[in-house]
Amino acid sequence: EIWRHFKTVEIALSIDDLGPRFEYQRSNAVWSEVEGNV
């Protein structure tokens, strides 16, 4: 609702790897939840 007023909004997701490796490198993250947010 706020973003719609702006010229552009770039959402850059920091994703360095996949699955268990992603979770190992980014402790506390859950890969399935990140995929859902993508």
All heavy atoms as atom14 arrays in JSON, in Angstrom:
{
  "sequence": "EIWRHFKTVEIALSIDDLGPRFEYQRSNAVWSEVEGNV",
  "atom14_mask": [
    [1, 1, 1, 1, 1, 1, 1, 1, 1, 0, 0, 0, 0, 0],
    [1, 1, 1, 1, 1, 1, 1, 1, 0, 0, 0, 0, 0, 0],
    [1, 1, 1, 1, 1, 1, 1, 1, 1, 1, 1, 1, 1, 1],
    [1, 1, 1, 1, 1, 1, 1, 1, 1, 1, 1, 0, 0, 0],
    [1, 1, 1, 1, 1, 1, 1, 1, 1, 1, 0, 0, 0, 0],
    [1, 1, 1, 1, 1, 1, 1, 1, 1, 1, 1, 0, 0, 0],
    [1, 1, 1, 1, 1, 1, 1, 1, 1, 0, 0, 0, 0, 0],
    [1, 1, 1, 1, 1, 1, 1, 0, 0, 0, 0, 0, 0, 0],
    [1, 1, 1, 1, 1, 1, 1, 0, 0, 0, 0, 0, 0, 0],
    [1, 1, 1, 1, 1, 1, 1, 1, 1, 0, 0, 0, 0, 0],
    [1, 1, 1, 1, 1, 1, 1, 1, 0, 0, 0, 0, 0, 0],
    [1, 1, 1, 1, 1, 0, 0, 0, 0, 0, 0, 0, 0, 0],
    [1, 1, 1, 1, 1, 1, 1, 1, 0, 0, 0, 0, 0, 0],
    [1, 1, 1, 1, 1, 1, 0, 0, 0, 0, 0, 0, 0, 0],
    [1, 1, 1, 1, 1, 1, 1, 1, 0, 0, 0, 0, 0, 0],
    [1, 1, 1, 1, 1, 1, 1, 1, 0, 0, 0, 0, 0, 0],
    [1, 1, 1, 1, 1, 1, 1, 1, 0, 0, 0, 0, 0, 0],
    [1, 1, 1, 1, 1, 1, 1, 1, 0, 0, 0, 0, 0, 0],
    [1, 1, 1, 1, 0, 0, 0, 0, 0, 0, 0, 0, 0, 0],
    [1, 1, 1, 1, 1, 1, 1, 0, 0, 0, 0, 0, 0, 0],
    [1, 1, 1, 1, 1, 1, 1, 1, 1, 1, 1, 0, 0, 0],
    [1, 1, 1, 1, 1, 1, 1, 1, 1, 1, 1, 0, 0, 0],
    [1, 1, 1, 1, 1, 1, 1, 1, 1, 0, 0, 0, 0, 0],
    [1, 1, 1, 1, 1, 1, 1, 1, 1, 1, 1, 1, 0, 0],
    [1, 1, 1, 1, 1, 1, 1, 1, 1, 0, 0, 0, 0, 0],
    [1, 1, 1, 1, 1, 1, 1, 1, 1, 1, 1, 0, 0, 0],
    [1, 1, 1, 1, 1, 1, 0, 0, 0, 0, 0, 0, 0, 0],
    [1, 1, 1, 1, 1, 1, 1, 1, 0, 0, 0, 0, 0, 0],
    [1, 1, 1, 1, 1, 0, 0, 0, 0, 0, 0, 0, 0, 0],
    [1, 1, 1, 1, 1, 1, 1, 0, 0, 0, 0, 0, 0, 0],
    [1, 1, 1, 1, 1, 1, 1, 1, 1, 1, 1, 1, 1, 1],
    [1, 1, 1, 1, 1, 1, 0, 0, 0, 0, 0, 0, 0, 0],
    [1, 1, 1, 1, 1, 1, 1, 1, 1, 0, 0, 0, 0, 0],
    [1, 1, 1, 1, 1, 1, 1, 0, 0, 0, 0, 0, 0, 0],
    [1, 1, 1, 1, 1, 1, 1, 1, 1, 0, 0, 0, 0, 0],
    [1, 1, 1, 1, 0, 0, 0, 0, 0, 0, 0, 0, 0, 0],
    [1, 1, 1, 1, 1, 1, 1, 1, 0, 0, 0, 0, 0, 0],
    [1, 1, 1, 1, 1, 1, 1, 0, 0, 0, 0, 0, 0, 0]
  ],
  "atom14_positions": [
    [[0.83, -1.2, 0.0], [0.0, 0.0, 0.0], [0.86, 1.26, 0.0], [0.49, 2.29, -0.59], [-0.93, -0.01, 1.22], [-1.8, 1.22, 1.37], [-2.68, 1.48, 0.15], [-3.07, 0.51, -0.55], [-2.97, 2.67, -0.12], [0.0, 0.0, 0.0], [0.0, 0.0, 0.0], [0.0, 0.0, 0.0], [0.0, 0.0, 0.0], [0.0, 0.0, 0.0]],
    [[2.03, 1.2, 0.64], [2.97, 2.32, 0.62], [3.77, 2.3, -0.68], [3.95, 3.33, -1.33], [3.92, 2.25, 1.84], [3.12, 2.4, 3.14], [5.0, 3.32, 1.75], [3.96, 2.26, 4.4], [0.0, 0.0, 0.0], [0.0, 0.0, 0.0], [0.0, 0.0, 0.0], [0.0, 0.0, 0.0], [0.0, 0.0, 0.0], [0.0, 0.0, 0.0]],
    [[4.26, 1.14, -1.06], [5.15, 1.03, -2.23], [4.5, 1.5, -3.52], [5.18, 1.98, -4.42], [5.6, -0.42, -2.39], [6.55, -0.89, -1.35], [7.29, -0.13, -0.5], [6.89, -2.25, -1.05], [8.06, -0.92, 0.33], [7.83, -2.23, 0.0], [6.48, -3.48, -1.56], [8.38, -3.39, 0.54], [7.01, -4.65, -1.03], [7.96, -4.61, 0.01]],
    [[3.18, 1.37, -3.64], [2.52, 1.69, -4.91], [2.69, 3.15, -5.3], [2.53, 3.52, -6.47], [1.04, 1.33, -4.84], [0.21, 2.19, -3.9], [-1.24, 1.72, -3.83], [-2.05, 2.54, -2.94], [-2.66, 3.66, -3.3], [-2.55, 4.09, -4.56], [-3.38, 4.35, -2.44], [0.0, 0.0, 0.0], [0.0, 0.0, 0.0], [0.0, 0.0, 0.0]],
    [[3.03, 4.01, -4.34], [3.2, 5.43, -4.61], [4.56, 5.77, -5.21], [4.73, 6.87, -5.75], [3.01, 6.24, -3.32], [1.64, 6.11, -2.72], [0.56, 6.83, -3.17], [1.19, 5.32, -1.71], [-0.51, 6.52, -2.45], [-0.16, 5.6, -1.55], [0.0, 0.0, 0.0], [0.0, 0.0, 0.0], [0.0, 0.0, 0.0], [0.0, 0.0, 0.0]],
    [[5.54, 4.86, -5.11], [6.91, 5.19, -5.47], [7.19, 4.89, -6.95], [6.52, 4.07, -7.58], [7.88, 4.43, -4.57], [7.94, 5.01, -3.19], [7.0, 4.66, -2.23], [8.91, 5.94, -2.85], [7.03, 5.22, -0.96], [8.95, 6.51, -1.59], [8.01, 6.14, -0.64], [0.0, 0.0, 0.0], [0.0, 0.0, 0.0], [0.0, 0.0, 0.0]],
    [[8.21, 5.56, -7.46], [8.57, 5.41, -8.87], [8.9, 3.97, -9.19], [8.34, 3.37, -10.11], [9.75, 6.33, -9.2], [10.13, 6.33, -10.67], [11.24, 7.35, -10.92], [11.63, 7.36, -12.4], [12.71, 8.36, -12.65], [0.0, 0.0, 0.0], [0.0, 0.0, 0.0], [0.0, 0.0, 0.0], [0.0, 0.0, 0.0], [0.0, 0.0, 0.0]],
    [[9.84, 3.39, -8.46], [10.13, 1.96, -8.56], [10.49, 1.43, -7.17], [11.0, 2.17, -6.32], [11.32, 1.65, -9.51], [12.48, 2.34, -9.05], [11.01, 2.05, -10.93], [0.0, 0.0, 0.0], [0.0, 0.0, 0.0], [0.0, 0.0, 0.0], [0.0, 0.0, 0.0], [0.0, 0.0, 0.0], [0.0, 0.0, 0.0], [0.0, 0.0, 0.0]],
    [[10.22, 0.16, -6.97], [10.6, -0.54, -5.75], [11.29, -1.83, -6.17], [10.66, -2.72, -6.76], [9.38, -0.86, -4.86], [9.82, -1.62, -3.61], [8.63, 0.41, -4.48], [0.0, 0.0, 0.0], [0.0, 0.0, 0.0], [0.0, 0.0, 0.0], [0.0, 0.0, 0.0], [0.0, 0.0, 0.0], [0.0, 0.0, 0.0], [0.0, 0.0, 0.0]],
    [[12.58, -1.92, -5.89], [13.36, -3.1, -6.23], [13.53, -3.96, -4.98], [14.05, -3.48, -3.96], [14.74, -2.71, -6.76], [14.68, -1.84, -8.01], [16.03, -1.25, -8.37], [16.98, -1.39, -7.56], [16.14, -0.64, -9.45], [0.0, 0.0, 0.0], [0.0, 0.0, 0.0], [0.0, 0.0, 0.0], [0.0, 0.0, 0.0], [0.0, 0.0, 0.0]],
    [[13.09, -5.19, -5.04], [13.22, -6.12, -3.92], [14.26, -7.15, -4.32], [14.0, -8.03, -5.14], [11.88, -6.79, -3.59], [10.82, -5.72, -3.28], [12.04, -7.76, -2.42], [9.41, -6.25, -3.22], [0.0, 0.0, 0.0], [0.0, 0.0, 0.0], [0.0, 0.0, 0.0], [0.0, 0.0, 0.0], [0.0, 0.0, 0.0], [0.0, 0.0, 0.0]],
    [[15.46, -7.02, -3.76], [16.57, -7.92, -4.08], [16.7, -8.96, -2.98], [17.02, -8.63, -1.83], [17.87, -7.14, -4.24], [0.0, 0.0, 0.0], [0.0, 0.0, 0.0], [0.0, 0.0, 0.0], [0.0, 0.0, 0.0], [0.0, 0.0, 0.0], [0.0, 0.0, 0.0], [0.0, 0.0, 0.0], [0.0, 0.0, 0.0], [0.0, 0.0, 0.0]],
    [[16.46, -10.2, -3.33], [16.54, -11.3, -2.38], [17.97, -11.84, -2.32], [18.55, -12.18, -3.35], [15.58, -12.41, -2.79], [14.11, -12.01, -2.89], [13.31, -13.06, -3.61], [13.53, -11.76, -1.5], [0.0, 0.0, 0.0], [0.0, 0.0, 0.0], [0.0, 0.0, 0.0], [0.0, 0.0, 0.0], [0.0, 0.0, 0.0], [0.0, 0.0, 0.0]],
    [[18.52, -11.9, -1.12], [19.87, -12.43, -0.94], [19.8, -13.95, -0.85], [19.52, -14.51, 0.21], [20.51, -11.85, 0.33], [20.7, -10.46, 0.2], [0.0, 0.0, 0.0], [0.0, 0.0, 0.0], [0.0, 0.0, 0.0], [0.0, 0.0, 0.0], [0.0, 0.0, 0.0], [0.0, 0.0, 0.0], [0.0, 0.0, 0.0], [0.0, 0.0, 0.0]],
    [[20.04, -14.59, -1.97], [19.98, -16.05, -2.04], [21.29, -16.55, -2.63], [21.58, -16.32, -3.8], [18.78, -16.52, -2.88], [17.47, -16.05, -2.23], [18.79, -18.04, -3.04], [16.22, -16.39, -3.01], [0.0, 0.0, 0.0], [0.0, 0.0, 0.0], [0.0, 0.0, 0.0], [0.0, 0.0, 0.0], [0.0, 0.0, 0.0], [0.0, 0.0, 0.0]],
    [[22.09, -17.22, -1.81], [23.43, -17.62, -2.19], [23.55, -19.1, -2.51], [24.56, -19.54, -3.05], [24.43, -17.29, -1.07], [24.34, -15.85, -0.61], [24.01, -14.99, -1.45], [24.58, -15.59, 0.58], [0.0, 0.0, 0.0], [0.0, 0.0, 0.0], [0.0, 0.0, 0.0], [0.0, 0.0, 0.0], [0.0, 0.0, 0.0], [0.0, 0.0, 0.0]],
    [[22.52, -19.89, -2.13], [22.58, -21.32, -2.37], [21.18, -21.89, -2.21], [20.21, -21.13, -2.05], [23.57, -22.0, -1.4], [24.34, -23.14, -2.08], [23.72, -23.89, -2.85], [25.55, -23.28, -1.82], [0.0, 0.0, 0.0], [0.0, 0.0, 0.0], [0.0, 0.0, 0.0], [0.0, 0.0, 0.0], [0.0, 0.0, 0.0], [0.0, 0.0, 0.0]],
    [[21.07, -23.2, -2.24], [19.76, -23.86, -2.25], [19.63, -24.89, -1.13], [20.64, -25.46, -0.7], [19.55, -24.57, -3.6], [19.79, -23.75, -4.87], [19.73, -24.65, -6.1], [18.8, -22.61, -4.98], [0.0, 0.0, 0.0], [0.0, 0.0, 0.0], [0.0, 0.0, 0.0], [0.0, 0.0, 0.0], [0.0, 0.0, 0.0], [0.0, 0.0, 0.0]],
    [[18.4, -25.12, -0.69], [18.1, -26.23, 0.2], [18.92, -26.26, 1.48], [19.14, -25.23, 2.13], [0.0, 0.0, 0.0], [0.0, 0.0, 0.0], [0.0, 0.0, 0.0], [0.0, 0.0, 0.0], [0.0, 0.0, 0.0], [0.0, 0.0, 0.0], [0.0, 0.0, 0.0], [0.0, 0.0, 0.0], [0.0, 0.0, 0.0], [0.0, 0.0, 0.0]],
    [[19.41, -27.44, 1.87], [20.19, -27.57, 3.1], [21.44, -26.7, 3.12], [21.84, -26.23, 4.2], [20.56, -29.07, 3.13], [19.49, -29.73, 2.33], [19.15, -28.76, 1.23], [0.0, 0.0, 0.0], [0.0, 0.0, 0.0], [0.0, 0.0, 0.0], [0.0, 0.0, 0.0], [0.0, 0.0, 0.0], [0.0, 0.0, 0.0], [0.0, 0.0, 0.0]],
    [[22.05, -26.49, 1.97], [23.24, -25.61, 1.94], [22.85, -24.17, 2.28], [23.58, -23.48, 2.99], [23.93, -25.68, 0.58], [24.57, -27.03, 0.28], [25.55, -26.92, -0.89], [24.92, -26.43, -2.1], [24.37, -27.2, -3.04], [24.39, -28.53, -2.91], [23.82, -26.67, -4.12], [0.0, 0.0, 0.0], [0.0, 0.0, 0.0], [0.0, 0.0, 0.0]],
    [[21.71, -23.72, 1.78], [21.21, -22.39, 2.12], [21.02, -22.28, 3.62], [21.42, -21.29, 4.25], [19.9, -22.13, 1.38], [19.25, -20.81, 1.7], [19.58, -19.66, 1.0], [18.3, -20.72, 2.72], [18.97, -18.44, 1.3], [17.7, -19.5, 3.03], [18.03, -18.36, 2.31], [0.0, 0.0, 0.0], [0.0, 0.0, 0.0], [0.0, 0.0, 0.0]],
    [[20.4, -23.28, 4.23], [20.13, -23.24, 5.66], [21.41, -23.32, 6.48], [21.5, -22.71, 7.56], [19.18, -24.37, 6.03], [17.81, -24.23, 5.4], [16.87, -25.39, 5.7], [17.36, -26.4, 6.27], [15.68, -25.31, 5.37], [0.0, 0.0, 0.0], [0.0, 0.0, 0.0], [0.0, 0.0, 0.0], [0.0, 0.0, 0.0], [0.0, 0.0, 0.0]],
    [[22.41, -24.04, 5.99], [23.7, -24.13, 6.67], [24.41, -22.78, 6.62], [24.98, -22.32, 7.62], [24.55, -25.21, 6.01], [25.98, -25.3, 6.51], [26.27, -25.98, 7.7], [27.04, -24.75, 5.79], [27.58, -26.08, 8.16], [28.35, -24.84, 6.24], [28.61, -25.51, 7.42], [29.91, -25.61, 7.87], [0.0, 0.0, 0.0], [0.0, 0.0, 0.0]],
    [[24.38, -22.14, 5.48], [25.08, -20.87, 5.3], [24.34, -19.71, 5.96], [24.97, -18.73, 6.38], [25.28, -20.58, 3.81], [26.2, -21.58, 3.12], [26.14, -21.48, 1.61], [25.91, -20.42, 1.04], [26.33, -22.61, 0.93], [0.0, 0.0, 0.0], [0.0, 0.0, 0.0], [0.0, 0.0, 0.0], [0.0, 0.0, 0.0], [0.0, 0.0, 0.0]],
    [[23.01, -19.81, 6.05], [22.19, -18.74, 6.63], [21.4, -19.29, 7.82], [20.19, -19.54, 7.73], [21.28, -18.12, 5.56], [22.06, -17.37, 4.49], [21.17, -16.71, 3.46], [21.95, -15.85, 2.58], [22.14, -14.53, 2.76], [21.59, -13.94, 3.8], [22.87, -13.83, 1.91], [0.0, 0.0, 0.0], [0.0, 0.0, 0.0], [0.0, 0.0, 0.0]],
    [[22.08, -19.48, 8.91], [21.5, -20.12, 10.09], [20.23, -19.4, 10.54], [20.16, -18.17, 10.56], [22.51, -20.14, 11.23], [23.57, -21.0, 10.93], [0.0, 0.0, 0.0], [0.0, 0.0, 0.0], [0.0, 0.0, 0.0], [0.0, 0.0, 0.0], [0.0, 0.0, 0.0], [0.0, 0.0, 0.0], [0.0, 0.0, 0.0], [0.0, 0.0, 0.0]],
    [[19.25, -20.18, 10.92], [17.89, -19.79, 11.34], [16.92, -19.7, 10.17], [15.71, -19.61, 10.39], [17.85, -18.47, 12.12], [18.53, -18.54, 13.47], [18.85, -19.62, 13.96], [18.78, -17.39, 14.07], [0.0, 0.0, 0.0], [0.0, 0.0, 0.0], [0.0, 0.0, 0.0], [0.0, 0.0, 0.0], [0.0, 0.0, 0.0], [0.0, 0.0, 0.0]],
    [[17.43, -19.71, 8.94], [16.53, -19.65, 7.78], [15.97, -21.03, 7.47], [16.61, -22.05, 7.73], [17.28, -19.11, 6.56], [0.0, 0.0, 0.0], [0.0, 0.0, 0.0], [0.0, 0.0, 0.0], [0.0, 0.0, 0.0], [0.0, 0.0, 0.0], [0.0, 0.0, 0.0], [0.0, 0.0, 0.0], [0.0, 0.0, 0.0], [0.0, 0.0, 0.0]],
    [[14.77, -21.06, 6.9], [14.13, -22.29, 6.44], [13.91, -22.14, 4.93], [13.17, -21.24, 4.5], [12.79, -22.53, 7.16], [12.12, -23.8, 6.62], [13.02, -22.64, 8.67], [0.0, 0.0, 0.0], [0.0, 0.0, 0.0], [0.0, 0.0, 0.0], [0.0, 0.0, 0.0], [0.0, 0.0, 0.0], [0.0, 0.0, 0.0], [0.0, 0.0, 0.0]],
    [[14.55, -22.99, 4.15], [14.54, -22.83, 2.7], [13.12, -22.85, 2.14], [12.78, -22.04, 1.26], [15.38, -23.92, 2.05], [15.3, -23.93, 0.55], [14.79, -24.91, -0.25], [15.73, -22.89, -0.34], [14.88, -24.56, -1.58], [15.44, -23.31, -1.66], [16.3, -21.64, -0.14], [15.74, -22.54, -2.78], [16.59, -20.85, -1.26], [16.31, -21.3, -2.56]],
    [[12.24, -23.73, 2.63], [10.89, -23.81, 2.09], [10.13, -22.51, 2.31], [9.31, -22.1, 1.47], [10.13, -24.99, 2.72], [10.03, -24.82, 4.13], [0.0, 0.0, 0.0], [0.0, 0.0, 0.0], [0.0, 0.0, 0.0], [0.0, 0.0, 0.0], [0.0, 0.0, 0.0], [0.0, 0.0, 0.0], [0.0, 0.0, 0.0], [0.0, 0.0, 0.0]],
    [[10.39, -21.83, 3.43], [9.73, -20.56, 3.69], [10.24, -19.48, 2.74], [9.45, -18.63, 2.27], [9.95, -20.14, 5.14], [9.29, -21.06, 6.16], [9.58, -20.66, 7.6], [10.31, -19.66, 7.8], [9.1, -21.36, 8.51], [0.0, 0.0, 0.0], [0.0, 0.0, 0.0], [0.0, 0.0, 0.0], [0.0, 0.0, 0.0], [0.0, 0.0, 0.0]],
    [[11.52, -19.48, 2.46], [12.09, -18.51, 1.52], [11.52, -18.75, 0.12], [11.14, -17.81, -0.58], [13.62, -18.58, 1.52], [14.22, -17.72, 0.42], [14.17, -18.15, 2.88], [0.0, 0.0, 0.0], [0.0, 0.0, 0.0], [0.0, 0.0, 0.0], [0.0, 0.0, 0.0], [0.0, 0.0, 0.0], [0.0, 0.0, 0.0], [0.0, 0.0, 0.0]],
    [[11.46, -20.02, -0.29], [10.86, -20.33, -1.59], [9.42, -19.83, -1.66], [8.99, -19.29, -2.69], [10.89, -21.84, -1.83], [12.21, -22.37, -2.34], [12.08, -23.77, -2.89], [11.63, -24.65, -2.13], [12.42, -23.99, -4.07], [0.0, 0.0, 0.0], [0.0, 0.0, 0.0], [0.0, 0.0, 0.0], [0.0, 0.0, 0.0], [0.0, 0.0, 0.0]],
    [[8.69, -19.98, -0.56], [7.32, -19.49, -0.52], [7.25, -17.98, -0.68], [6.37, -17.44, -1.37], [0.0, 0.0, 0.0], [0.0, 0.0, 0.0], [0.0, 0.0, 0.0], [0.0, 0.0, 0.0], [0.0, 0.0, 0.0], [0.0, 0.0, 0.0], [0.0, 0.0, 0.0], [0.0, 0.0, 0.0], [0.0, 0.0, 0.0], [0.0, 0.0, 0.0]],
    [[8.19, -17.27, -0.04], [8.21, -15.81, -0.16], [8.62, -15.36, -1.56], [8.16, -14.32, -2.03], [9.13, -15.2, 0.9], [8.48, -15.14, 2.27], [7.25, -15.14, 2.38], [9.29, -15.1, 3.31], [0.0, 0.0, 0.0], [0.0, 0.0, 0.0], [0.0, 0.0, 0.0], [0.0, 0.0, 0.0], [0.0, 0.0, 0.0], [0.0, 0.0, 0.0]],
    [[9.49, -16.12, -2.21], [9.83, -15.8, -3.6], [8.56, -15.82, -4.44], [8.31, -14.91, -5.26], [10.87, -16.79, -4.17], [11.06, -16.57, -5.68], [12.21, -16.65, -3.46], [0.0, 0.0, 0.0], [0.0, 0.0, 0.0], [0.0, 0.0, 0.0], [0.0, 0.0, 0.0], [0.0, 0.0, 0.0], [0.0, 0.0, 0.0], [0.0, 0.0, 0.0]]
  ]
}
